[in-house]
C-alpha cells in the first residue's frame, strides 16, 4: 500500500475553475433538482446551537426547499472528507453524519474544483472511527468489472440509512471529459452524489457525479435509457487531493479479490457519510 504524505495546508486559498457547459443529455444531481426531494420526517435534523448534536425541531428547521442532501467519504486523517461540489454549492451550512453514528458534525470547506465537481471538507470530529477509504491505482480498469455504489439516495423516500447498489463498469469517456469519467450500471438517485464507487476488493474506483436524463432522452428518441450513470475515476480524485496537499492512501487494484457485497458494505460503512447542506 502506498501512502501519499503531504501536510494539509489549512491556509489554502480556494480557487474556482470555470465549469464547462454540460451536454443536454446529462444532468447533475444539482441543488435545484434536489429541492424537489427535501429531507423530511422524524429523522430530519437541524443545527443545534452548538453544532455538535443535532435534533429534529420544526421551530428551527430551515426551509425544506433549501435543504440539499448528498453523500461523501473520508479520504484522509483528521476528518478529511470528499463529496460532490454541486451538493454544497452556494450553501452556508454543511453537516455530515456517518451511518454508524447518531451525531451530525459541522464542517469546514477546504477546497473546491468545479470542473471535476469535487469539494474537500474537514469534518469537525474525532475521526479515529472513520478510517479513510483507499483509492485504487487503476490505469487499466477493465470494462465489466463489478462496481458497488454506497451512499444515501432519496432519503425522504428510502430513509436516511446507507444503501448499496450493484452493477458493472460499462465503459469510459463522455462528450466533454473523456476517459476521466466512467459509466456504471449501479443505480444512483438524488442523494447519491459524492458517494464512492467501490471495486470487488473494496477500493475506491470512482465518485458518483451524474446520471443520464432518461426522460429527456426518451422524449427525443422514443427509447428510455436505464441505469446510465457516471462517476469520476479515482485517478482524478487523487489529482485533486494532490493539489490540496492531502495525505491519502492508494493501493493497486486486485481484480482477483472478490469480496461478498455485505463485507464490502460492512468494511466501508464507518467511512461514508450523509451530507446535508442548507442556508440556515
C-alpha atoms as a PDB file:
ATOM      1  CA  UNK A   1       0.000   0.000   0.000  1.00  0.00           C
ATOM      2  CA  UNK A   2       1.354   3.415  -0.955  1.00  0.00           C
ATOM      3  CA  UNK A   3       0.802   6.392   1.315  1.00  0.00           C
ATOM      4  CA  UNK A   4       0.922   9.902  -0.082  1.00  0.00           C
ATOM      5  CA  UNK A   5       2.156  12.017   2.799  1.00  0.00           C
ATOM      6  CA  UNK A   6       1.736  15.705   2.258  1.00  0.00           C
ATOM      7  CA  UNK A   7       0.761  18.012   5.097  1.00  0.00           C
ATOM      8  CA  UNK A   8      -2.604  19.653   4.620  1.00  0.00           C
ATOM      9  CA  UNK A   9      -2.257  23.360   4.091  1.00  0.00           C
ATOM     10  CA  UNK A  10      -5.157  24.762   6.037  1.00  0.00           C
ATOM     11  CA  UNK A  11      -4.370  28.217   4.729  1.00  0.00           C
ATOM     12  CA  UNK A  12      -5.055  27.093   1.209  1.00  0.00           C
ATOM     13  CA  UNK A  13      -6.999  29.717  -0.717  1.00  0.00           C
ATOM     14  CA  UNK A  14      -9.822  28.079  -2.669  1.00  0.00           C
ATOM     15  CA  UNK A  15      -9.996  28.956  -6.318  1.00  0.00           C
ATOM     16  CA  UNK A  16     -12.598  28.295  -8.948  1.00  0.00           C
ATOM     17  CA  UNK A  17     -12.304  26.693 -12.343  1.00  0.00           C
ATOM     18  CA  UNK A  18     -14.923  27.760 -14.840  1.00  0.00           C
ATOM     19  CA  UNK A  19     -17.411  24.931 -15.247  1.00  0.00           C
ATOM     20  CA  UNK A  20     -17.711  23.945 -18.864  1.00  0.00           C
ATOM     21  CA  UNK A  21     -21.161  23.531 -20.307  1.00  0.00           C
ATOM     22  CA  UNK A  22     -22.717  20.120 -19.781  1.00  0.00           C
ATOM     23  CA  UNK A  23     -24.298  18.217 -22.640  1.00  0.00           C
ATOM     24  CA  UNK A  24     -28.080  18.394 -22.507  1.00  0.00           C
ATOM     25  CA  UNK A  25     -28.276  14.603 -22.306  1.00  0.00           C
ATOM     26  CA  UNK A  26     -26.550  14.665 -18.901  1.00  0.00           C
ATOM     27  CA  UNK A  27     -27.805  16.129 -15.658  1.00  0.00           C
ATOM     28  CA  UNK A  28     -26.103  16.762 -12.344  1.00  0.00           C
ATOM     29  CA  UNK A  29     -27.928  15.990  -9.130  1.00  0.00           C
ATOM     30  CA  UNK A  30     -27.977  19.727  -8.690  1.00  0.00           C
ATOM     31  CA  UNK A  31     -29.219  21.679  -5.693  1.00  0.00           C
ATOM     32  CA  UNK A  32     -32.114  22.860  -7.829  1.00  0.00           C
ATOM     33  CA  UNK A  33     -33.248  19.349  -8.669  1.00  0.00           C
ATOM     34  CA  UNK A  34     -32.598  18.160  -5.132  1.00  0.00           C
ATOM     35  CA  UNK A  35     -35.025  20.710  -3.742  1.00  0.00           C
ATOM     36  CA  UNK A  36     -37.861  18.600  -5.062  1.00  0.00           C
ATOM     37  CA  UNK A  37     -36.835  15.889  -2.603  1.00  0.00           C
ATOM     38  CA  UNK A  38     -36.215  17.629   0.734  1.00  0.00           C
ATOM     39  CA  UNK A  39     -35.143  15.646   3.758  1.00  0.00           C
ATOM     40  CA  UNK A  40     -38.207  15.440   5.998  1.00  0.00           C
ATOM     41  CA  UNK A  41     -39.750  13.229   8.657  1.00  0.00           C
ATOM     42  CA  UNK A  42     -38.726  12.133  12.156  1.00  0.00           C
ATOM     43  CA  UNK A  43     -35.093  11.622  11.146  1.00  0.00           C
ATOM     44  CA  UNK A  44     -34.726  15.162   9.852  1.00  0.00           C
ATOM     45  CA  UNK A  45     -32.117  17.143  11.749  1.00  0.00           C
ATOM     46  CA  UNK A  46     -31.293  20.793  12.025  1.00  0.00           C
ATOM     47  CA  UNK A  47     -28.491  22.758  13.594  1.00  0.00           C
ATOM     48  CA  UNK A  48     -28.416  22.811  17.346  1.00  0.00           C
ATOM     49  CA  UNK A  49     -26.727  25.997  18.616  1.00  0.00           C
ATOM     50  CA  UNK A  50     -23.528  24.120  19.486  1.00  0.00           C
ATOM     51  CA  UNK A  51     -23.479  22.311  16.096  1.00  0.00           C
ATOM     52  CA  UNK A  52     -22.442  19.165  17.924  1.00  0.00           C
ATOM     53  CA  UNK A  53     -25.549  17.068  18.443  1.00  0.00           C
ATOM     54  CA  UNK A  54     -28.482  17.799  16.172  1.00  0.00           C
ATOM     55  CA  UNK A  55     -32.130  17.095  16.819  1.00  0.00           C
ATOM     56  CA  UNK A  56     -35.378  17.468  14.925  1.00  0.00           C
ATOM     57  CA  UNK A  57     -37.091  20.724  15.841  1.00  0.00           C
ATOM     58  CA  UNK A  58     -39.667  22.134  13.393  1.00  0.00           C
ATOM     59  CA  UNK A  59     -39.382  25.538  15.037  1.00  0.00           C
ATOM     60  CA  UNK A  60     -35.826  26.000  13.777  1.00  0.00           C
ATOM     61  CA  UNK A  61     -35.960  23.804  10.674  1.00  0.00           C
ATOM     62  CA  UNK A  62     -34.605  25.630   7.627  1.00  0.00           C
ATOM     63  CA  UNK A  63     -36.986  25.923   4.703  1.00  0.00           C
ATOM     64  CA  UNK A  64     -37.171  22.468   3.203  1.00  0.00           C
ATOM     65  CA  UNK A  65     -36.822  23.734  -0.358  1.00  0.00           C
ATOM     66  CA  UNK A  66     -33.357  24.985   0.629  1.00  0.00           C
ATOM     67  CA  UNK A  67     -32.067  21.682   2.024  1.00  0.00           C
ATOM     68  CA  UNK A  68     -29.836  19.581  -0.253  1.00  0.00           C
ATOM     69  CA  UNK A  69     -28.654  16.058   0.511  1.00  0.00           C
ATOM     70  CA  UNK A  70     -25.736  14.061  -0.810  1.00  0.00           C
ATOM     71  CA  UNK A  71     -23.114  11.513   0.124  1.00  0.00           C
ATOM     72  CA  UNK A  72     -19.374  11.554   0.706  1.00  0.00           C
ATOM     73  CA  UNK A  73     -16.489   9.665   2.272  1.00  0.00           C
ATOM     74  CA  UNK A  74     -13.334  10.148   4.297  1.00  0.00           C
ATOM     75  CA  UNK A  75     -10.120  10.253   2.272  1.00  0.00           C
ATOM     76  CA  UNK A  76      -7.620  11.398   4.892  1.00  0.00           C
ATOM     77  CA  UNK A  77      -6.929  11.611   8.587  1.00  0.00           C
ATOM     78  CA  UNK A  78      -8.174  14.427  10.820  1.00  0.00           C
ATOM     79  CA  UNK A  79     -11.650  14.261   9.308  1.00  0.00           C
ATOM     80  CA  UNK A  80     -10.718  14.995   5.683  1.00  0.00           C
ATOM     81  CA  UNK A  81     -13.856  14.237   3.673  1.00  0.00           C
ATOM     82  CA  UNK A  82     -14.766  14.477  -0.016  1.00  0.00           C
ATOM     83  CA  UNK A  83     -18.117  14.997  -1.722  1.00  0.00           C
ATOM     84  CA  UNK A  84     -19.535  16.407  -4.943  1.00  0.00           C
ATOM     85  CA  UNK A  85     -19.173  20.158  -5.323  1.00  0.00           C
ATOM     86  CA  UNK A  86     -22.724  20.645  -6.628  1.00  0.00           C
ATOM     87  CA  UNK A  87     -24.133  19.186  -3.382  1.00  0.00           C
ATOM     88  CA  UNK A  88     -22.775  22.057  -1.262  1.00  0.00           C
ATOM     89  CA  UNK A  89     -22.653  24.829  -3.862  1.00  0.00           C
ATOM     90  CA  UNK A  90     -23.931  28.157  -2.515  1.00  0.00           C
ATOM     91  CA  UNK A  91     -24.818  26.653   0.867  1.00  0.00           C
ATOM     92  CA  UNK A  92     -23.669  28.249   4.115  1.00  0.00           C
ATOM     93  CA  UNK A  93     -24.077  25.248   6.434  1.00  0.00           C
ATOM     94  CA  UNK A  94     -22.792  21.771   5.583  1.00  0.00           C
ATOM     95  CA  UNK A  95     -23.195  18.913   8.067  1.00  0.00           C
ATOM     96  CA  UNK A  96     -22.051  15.293   7.892  1.00  0.00           C
ATOM     97  CA  UNK A  97     -23.293  12.211   9.705  1.00  0.00           C
ATOM     98  CA  UNK A  98     -21.606   8.838   9.401  1.00  0.00           C
ATOM     99  CA  UNK A  99     -24.057   5.963   9.089  1.00  0.00           C
ATOM    100  CA  UNK A 100     -22.970   4.265  12.319  1.00  0.00           C
ATOM    101  CA  UNK A 101     -23.191   7.500  14.344  1.00  0.00           C
ATOM    102  CA  UNK A 102     -26.202   9.461  15.591  1.00  0.00           C
ATOM    103  CA  UNK A 103     -24.367  12.780  15.740  1.00  0.00           C
ATOM    104  CA  UNK A 104     -24.218  15.378  12.994  1.00  0.00           C
ATOM    105  CA  UNK A 105     -20.966  17.268  12.629  1.00  0.00           C
ATOM    106  CA  UNK A 106     -20.155  20.729  11.282  1.00  0.00           C
ATOM    107  CA  UNK A 107     -17.590  21.028   8.514  1.00  0.00           C
ATOM    108  CA  UNK A 108     -15.018  23.440   7.157  1.00  0.00           C
ATOM    109  CA  UNK A 109     -14.626  23.907   3.409  1.00  0.00           C
ATOM    110  CA  UNK A 110     -11.007  23.386   2.336  1.00  0.00           C
ATOM    111  CA  UNK A 111     -11.007  23.251  -1.457  1.00  0.00           C
ATOM    112  CA  UNK A 112     -13.314  23.039  -4.456  1.00  0.00           C
ATOM    113  CA  UNK A 113     -12.853  22.094  -8.090  1.00  0.00           C
ATOM    114  CA  UNK A 114     -15.862  22.973 -10.221  1.00  0.00           C
ATOM    115  CA  UNK A 115     -14.514  21.268 -13.329  1.00  0.00           C
ATOM    116  CA  UNK A 116     -14.063  17.953 -11.527  1.00  0.00           C
ATOM    117  CA  UNK A 117     -17.195  18.618  -9.423  1.00  0.00           C
ATOM    118  CA  UNK A 118     -15.344  17.900  -6.188  1.00  0.00           C
ATOM    119  CA  UNK A 119     -15.326  19.538  -2.763  1.00  0.00           C
ATOM    120  CA  UNK A 120     -12.988  18.833   0.124  1.00  0.00           C
ATOM    121  CA  UNK A 121     -14.259  19.267   3.675  1.00  0.00           C
ATOM    122  CA  UNK A 122     -12.868  18.866   7.149  1.00  0.00           C
ATOM    123  CA  UNK A 123     -15.397  17.241   9.445  1.00  0.00           C
ATOM    124  CA  UNK A 124     -15.057  18.646  12.930  1.00  0.00           C
ATOM    125  CA  UNK A 125     -14.861  15.390  14.857  1.00  0.00           C
ATOM    126  CA  UNK A 126     -12.565  12.757  16.218  1.00  0.00           C
ATOM    127  CA  UNK A 127     -12.256  10.716  13.033  1.00  0.00           C
ATOM    128  CA  UNK A 128     -10.463   7.733  14.567  1.00  0.00           C
ATOM    129  CA  UNK A 129     -13.586   5.676  13.989  1.00  0.00           C
ATOM    130  CA  UNK A 130     -13.812   6.767  10.343  1.00  0.00           C
ATOM    131  CA  UNK A 131     -10.752   5.459   8.504  1.00  0.00           C
ATOM    132  CA  UNK A 132     -10.064   6.869   5.036  1.00  0.00           C
ATOM    133  CA  UNK A 133     -11.041   4.721   2.089  1.00  0.00           C
ATOM    134  CA  UNK A 134      -8.029   3.830  -0.093  1.00  0.00           C
ATOM    135  CA  UNK A 135      -8.079   4.859  -3.742  1.00  0.00           C
ATOM    136  CA  UNK A 136      -7.446   2.245  -6.415  1.00  0.00           C
ATOM    137  CA  UNK A 137      -4.469   2.605  -8.725  1.00  0.00           C
ATOM    138  CA  UNK A 138      -6.294   1.579 -11.868  1.00  0.00           C
ATOM    139  CA  UNK A 139      -4.890   2.917 -15.145  1.00  0.00           C
ATOM    140  CA  UNK A 140      -6.358  -0.103 -16.934  1.00  0.00           C
ATOM    141  CA  UNK A 141      -9.683  -0.518 -15.166  1.00  0.00           C
ATOM    142  CA  UNK A 142     -11.417  -3.360 -17.009  1.00  0.00           C
ATOM    143  CA  UNK A 143     -14.828  -2.898 -18.560  1.00  0.00           C
ATOM    144  CA  UNK A 144     -17.179  -5.402 -16.968  1.00  0.00           C
ATOM    145  CA  UNK A 145     -15.625  -5.072 -13.515  1.00  0.00           C
ATOM    146  CA  UNK A 146     -18.221  -5.281 -10.759  1.00  0.00           C
ATOM    147  CA  UNK A 147     -18.980  -1.878  -9.230  1.00  0.00           C
ATOM    148  CA  UNK A 148     -20.734  -1.060  -5.950  1.00  0.00           C
ATOM    149  CA  UNK A 149     -22.215   2.356  -5.152  1.00  0.00           C
ATOM    150  CA  UNK A 150     -22.661   3.264  -1.485  1.00  0.00           C
ATOM    151  CA  UNK A 151     -24.495   6.332  -0.283  1.00  0.00           C
ATOM    152  CA  UNK A 152     -27.778   7.882   0.746  1.00  0.00           C
ATOM    153  CA  UNK A 153     -30.181   8.041  -2.214  1.00  0.00           C
ATOM    154  CA  UNK A 154     -33.592   9.672  -1.843  1.00  0.00           C
ATOM    155  CA  UNK A 155     -33.519   9.863   1.968  1.00  0.00           C
ATOM    156  CA  UNK A 156     -37.110  11.114   2.145  1.00  0.00           C
ATOM    157  CA  UNK A 157     -38.310   8.019   0.323  1.00  0.00           C
ATOM    158  CA  UNK A 158     -35.778   5.346   1.265  1.00  0.00           C
ATOM    159  CA  UNK A 159     -34.787   6.538   4.724  1.00  0.00           C
ATOM    160  CA  UNK A 160     -31.515   8.048   5.867  1.00  0.00           C
ATOM    161  CA  UNK A 161     -29.537   4.840   6.371  1.00  0.00           C
ATOM    162  CA  UNK A 162     -26.802   3.961   3.894  1.00  0.00           C
ATOM    163  CA  UNK A 163     -27.765   1.976   0.810  1.00  0.00           C
ATOM    164  CA  UNK A 164     -25.782  -0.177  -1.619  1.00  0.00           C
ATOM    165  CA  UNK A 165     -26.408  -0.881  -5.296  1.00  0.00           C
ATOM    166  CA  UNK A 166     -24.510  -3.217  -7.584  1.00  0.00           C
ATOM    167  CA  UNK A 167     -23.619  -3.058 -11.255  1.00  0.00           C
ATOM    168  CA  UNK A 168     -20.624  -3.102 -13.556  1.00  0.00           C
ATOM    169  CA  UNK A 169     -18.269  -0.659 -15.215  1.00  0.00           C
ATOM    170  CA  UNK A 170     -19.885  -0.206 -18.638  1.00  0.00           C
ATOM    171  CA  UNK A 171     -17.295   1.966 -20.310  1.00  0.00           C
ATOM    172  CA  UNK A 172     -15.403   5.242 -20.257  1.00  0.00           C
ATOM    173  CA  UNK A 173     -15.488   8.644 -21.802  1.00  0.00           C
ATOM    174  CA  UNK A 174     -18.101  11.240 -22.377  1.00  0.00           C
ATOM    175  CA  UNK A 175     -18.869  14.087 -24.696  1.00  0.00           C
ATOM    176  CA  UNK A 176     -16.978  16.555 -22.539  1.00  0.00           C
ATOM    177  CA  UNK A 177     -14.401  14.980 -20.247  1.00  0.00           C
ATOM    178  CA  UNK A 178     -13.203  11.826 -21.962  1.00  0.00           C
ATOM    179  CA  UNK A 179     -11.644   8.956 -20.039  1.00  0.00           C
ATOM    180  CA  UNK A 180     -11.749  10.783 -16.718  1.00  0.00           C
ATOM    181  CA  UNK A 181     -15.362   9.679 -16.470  1.00  0.00           C
ATOM    182  CA  UNK A 182     -16.588   6.098 -16.268  1.00  0.00           C
ATOM    183  CA  UNK A 183     -20.080   4.788 -16.880  1.00  0.00           C
ATOM    184  CA  UNK A 184     -21.573   2.383 -14.325  1.00  0.00           C
ATOM    185  CA  UNK A 185     -24.844   0.482 -14.269  1.00  0.00           C
ATOM    186  CA  UNK A 186     -25.278   0.511 -10.465  1.00  0.00           C
ATOM    187  CA  UNK A 187     -28.381   2.555  -9.654  1.00  0.00           C
ATOM    188  CA  UNK A 188     -27.961   6.108  -8.390  1.00  0.00           C
ATOM    189  CA  UNK A 189     -30.515   8.747  -7.403  1.00  0.00           C
ATOM    190  CA  UNK A 190     -30.667  12.191  -5.834  1.00  0.00           C
ATOM    191  CA  UNK A 191     -28.601  11.948  -2.689  1.00  0.00           C
ATOM    192  CA  UNK A 192     -26.115   9.504  -4.237  1.00  0.00           C
ATOM    193  CA  UNK A 193     -23.866  12.317  -5.479  1.00  0.00           C
ATOM    194  CA  UNK A 194     -20.459  12.253  -3.818  1.00  0.00           C
ATOM    195  CA  UNK A 195     -20.714   8.621  -2.754  1.00  0.00           C
ATOM    196  CA  UNK A 196     -17.891   6.192  -3.560  1.00  0.00           C
ATOM    197  CA  UNK A 197     -17.900   3.585  -6.306  1.00  0.00           C
ATOM    198  CA  UNK A 198     -16.067   0.530  -4.991  1.00  0.00           C
ATOM    199  CA  UNK A 199     -14.409  -2.394  -6.758  1.00  0.00           C
ATOM    200  CA  UNK A 200     -14.877  -6.018  -5.590  1.00  0.00           C
ATOM    201  CA  UNK A 201     -11.730  -5.702  -3.464  1.00  0.00           C
ATOM    202  CA  UNK A 202     -13.216  -2.702  -1.622  1.00  0.00           C
ATOM    203  CA  UNK A 203     -11.041   0.023  -3.158  1.00  0.00           C
ATOM    204  CA  UNK A 204     -12.464   3.305  -4.427  1.00  0.00           C
ATOM    205  CA  UNK A 205     -12.524   3.399  -8.222  1.00  0.00           C
ATOM    206  CA  UNK A 206     -14.701   6.498  -8.571  1.00  0.00           C
ATOM    207  CA  UNK A 207     -17.077   9.056  -7.055  1.00  0.00           C
ATOM    208  CA  UNK A 208     -20.713   9.422  -8.162  1.00  0.00           C
ATOM    209  CA  UNK A 209     -21.422  12.594 -10.119  1.00  0.00           C
ATOM    210  CA  UNK A 210     -24.302  12.456 -12.573  1.00  0.00           C
ATOM    211  CA  UNK A 211     -26.773  10.325 -14.487  1.00  0.00           C
ATOM    212  CA  UNK A 212     -28.355  10.360 -17.914  1.00  0.00           C
ATOM    213  CA  UNK A 213     -31.538  12.381 -18.249  1.00  0.00           C
ATOM    214  CA  UNK A 214     -33.556   9.303 -19.187  1.00  0.00           C
ATOM    215  CA  UNK A 215     -36.868  11.142 -19.534  1.00  0.00           C
ATOM    216  CA  UNK A 216     -35.343  13.818 -21.747  1.00  0.00           C
ATOM    217  CA  UNK A 217     -33.674  11.228 -23.969  1.00  0.00           C
ATOM    218  CA  UNK A 218     -36.906   9.222 -24.217  1.00  0.00           C
ATOM    219  CA  UNK A 219     -38.772  12.293 -25.432  1.00  0.00           C
ATOM    220  CA  UNK A 220     -36.154  12.855 -28.132  1.00  0.00           C
ATOM    221  CA  UNK A 221     -35.526   9.339 -29.406  1.00  0.00           C
ATOM    222  CA  UNK A 222     -38.513   7.321 -28.199  1.00  0.00           C
ATOM    223  CA  UNK A 223     -36.452   4.934 -26.066  1.00  0.00           C
ATOM    224  CA  UNK A 224     -35.945   5.026 -22.287  1.00  0.00           C
ATOM    225  CA  UNK A 225     -32.289   4.503 -21.221  1.00  0.00           C
ATOM    226  CA  UNK A 226     -31.837   2.580 -17.994  1.00  0.00           C
ATOM    227  CA  UNK A 227     -29.076   2.737 -15.370  1.00  0.00           C
ATOM    228  CA  UNK A 228     -26.755   5.024 -17.334  1.00  0.00           C
ATOM    229  CA  UNK A 229     -24.787   6.702 -14.576  1.00  0.00           C
ATOM    230  CA  UNK A 230     -21.428   8.416 -14.411  1.00  0.00           C
ATOM    231  CA  UNK A 231     -18.589   8.637 -11.898  1.00  0.00           C
ATOM    232  CA  UNK A 232     -15.277  10.482 -11.827  1.00  0.00           C
ATOM    233  CA  UNK A 233     -12.397   7.996 -11.767  1.00  0.00           C
ATOM    234  CA  UNK A 234     -10.140   7.584  -8.743  1.00  0.00           C
ATOM    235  CA  UNK A 235      -7.124   8.966 -10.621  1.00  0.00           C
ATOM    236  CA  UNK A 236      -8.924  12.325 -10.821  1.00  0.00           C
ATOM    237  CA  UNK A 237      -9.725  12.204  -7.121  1.00  0.00           C
ATOM    238  CA  UNK A 238      -6.023  11.626  -6.435  1.00  0.00           C
ATOM    239  CA  UNK A 239      -5.026  14.570  -8.632  1.00  0.00           C
ATOM    240  CA  UNK A 240      -7.485  16.787  -6.758  1.00  0.00           C
ATOM    241  CA  UNK A 241      -6.121  15.675  -3.382  1.00  0.00           C
ATOM    242  CA  UNK A 242      -2.544  16.228  -4.554  1.00  0.00           C
ATOM    243  CA  UNK A 243      -3.494  19.816  -5.346  1.00  0.00           C
ATOM    244  CA  UNK A 244      -4.749  20.240  -1.784  1.00  0.00           C
ATOM    245  CA  UNK A 245      -1.627  18.641  -0.215  1.00  0.00           C
ATOM    246  CA  UNK A 246      -3.742  15.980   1.481  1.00  0.00           C
ATOM    247  CA  UNK A 247      -2.479  12.702   2.869  1.00  0.00           C
ATOM    248  CA  UNK A 248      -4.349   9.802   1.279  1.00  0.00           C
ATOM    249  CA  UNK A 249      -3.923   6.099   0.724  1.00  0.00           C
ATOM    250  CA  UNK A 250      -3.674   4.226  -2.541  1.00  0.00           C
ATOM    251  CA  UNK A 251      -3.468   0.568  -3.337  1.00  0.00           C
ATOM    252  CA  UNK A 252      -3.108  -1.444  -6.516  1.00  0.00           C
ATOM    253  CA  UNK A 253      -6.430  -2.792  -7.738  1.00  0.00           C
ATOM    254  CA  UNK A 254      -6.573  -6.566  -7.384  1.00  0.00           C
ATOM    255  CA  UNK A 255      -9.205  -7.972  -9.727  1.00  0.00           C
ATOM    256  CA  UNK A 256      -8.601 -11.468  -8.333  1.00  0.00           C
ATOM    257  CA  UNK A 257     -10.144 -10.417  -4.999  1.00  0.00           C
ATOM    258  CA  UNK A 258     -13.921 -10.691  -4.991  1.00  0.00           C
ATOM    259  CA  UNK A 259     -15.388  -9.853  -1.598  1.00  0.00           C
ATOM    260  CA  UNK A 260     -19.018 -10.570  -0.853  1.00  0.00           C
ATOM    261  CA  UNK A 261     -21.146  -7.400  -1.160  1.00  0.00           C
ATOM    262  CA  UNK A 262     -22.149  -7.467   2.512  1.00  0.00           C
ATOM    263  CA  UNK A 263     -18.462  -7.486   3.519  1.00  0.00           C
ATOM    264  CA  UNK A 264     -17.727  -4.520   1.280  1.00  0.00           C
ATOM    265  CA  UNK A 265     -20.658  -2.694   2.869  1.00  0.00           C
ATOM    266  CA  UNK A 266     -19.612  -3.519   6.435  1.00  0.00           C
ATOM    267  CA  UNK A 267     -15.985  -2.514   5.912  1.00  0.00           C
ATOM    268  CA  UNK A 268     -16.800   0.770   4.161  1.00  0.00           C
ATOM    269  CA  UNK A 269     -19.730   1.890   6.332  1.00  0.00           C
ATOM    270  CA  UNK A 270     -17.705   3.782   9.011  1.00  0.00           C
ATOM    271  CA  UNK A 271     -16.025   5.849   6.296  1.00  0.00           C
ATOM    272  CA  UNK A 272     -19.105   7.046   4.396  1.00  0.00           C
ATOM    273  CA  UNK A 273     -21.373   9.903   5.443  1.00  0.00           C
ATOM    274  CA  UNK A 274     -24.680  11.567   4.663  1.00  0.00           C
ATOM    275  CA  UNK A 275     -24.267  15.219   3.749  1.00  0.00           C
ATOM    276  CA  UNK A 276     -26.913  17.889   4.292  1.00  0.00           C
ATOM    277  CA  UNK A 277     -26.434  21.467   3.161  1.00  0.00           C
ATOM    278  CA  UNK A 278     -28.645  24.491   3.653  1.00  0.00           C
ATOM    279  CA  UNK A 279     -28.580  28.267   4.062  1.00  0.00           C
ATOM    280  CA  UNK A 280     -29.823  28.329   7.674  1.00  0.00           C
END
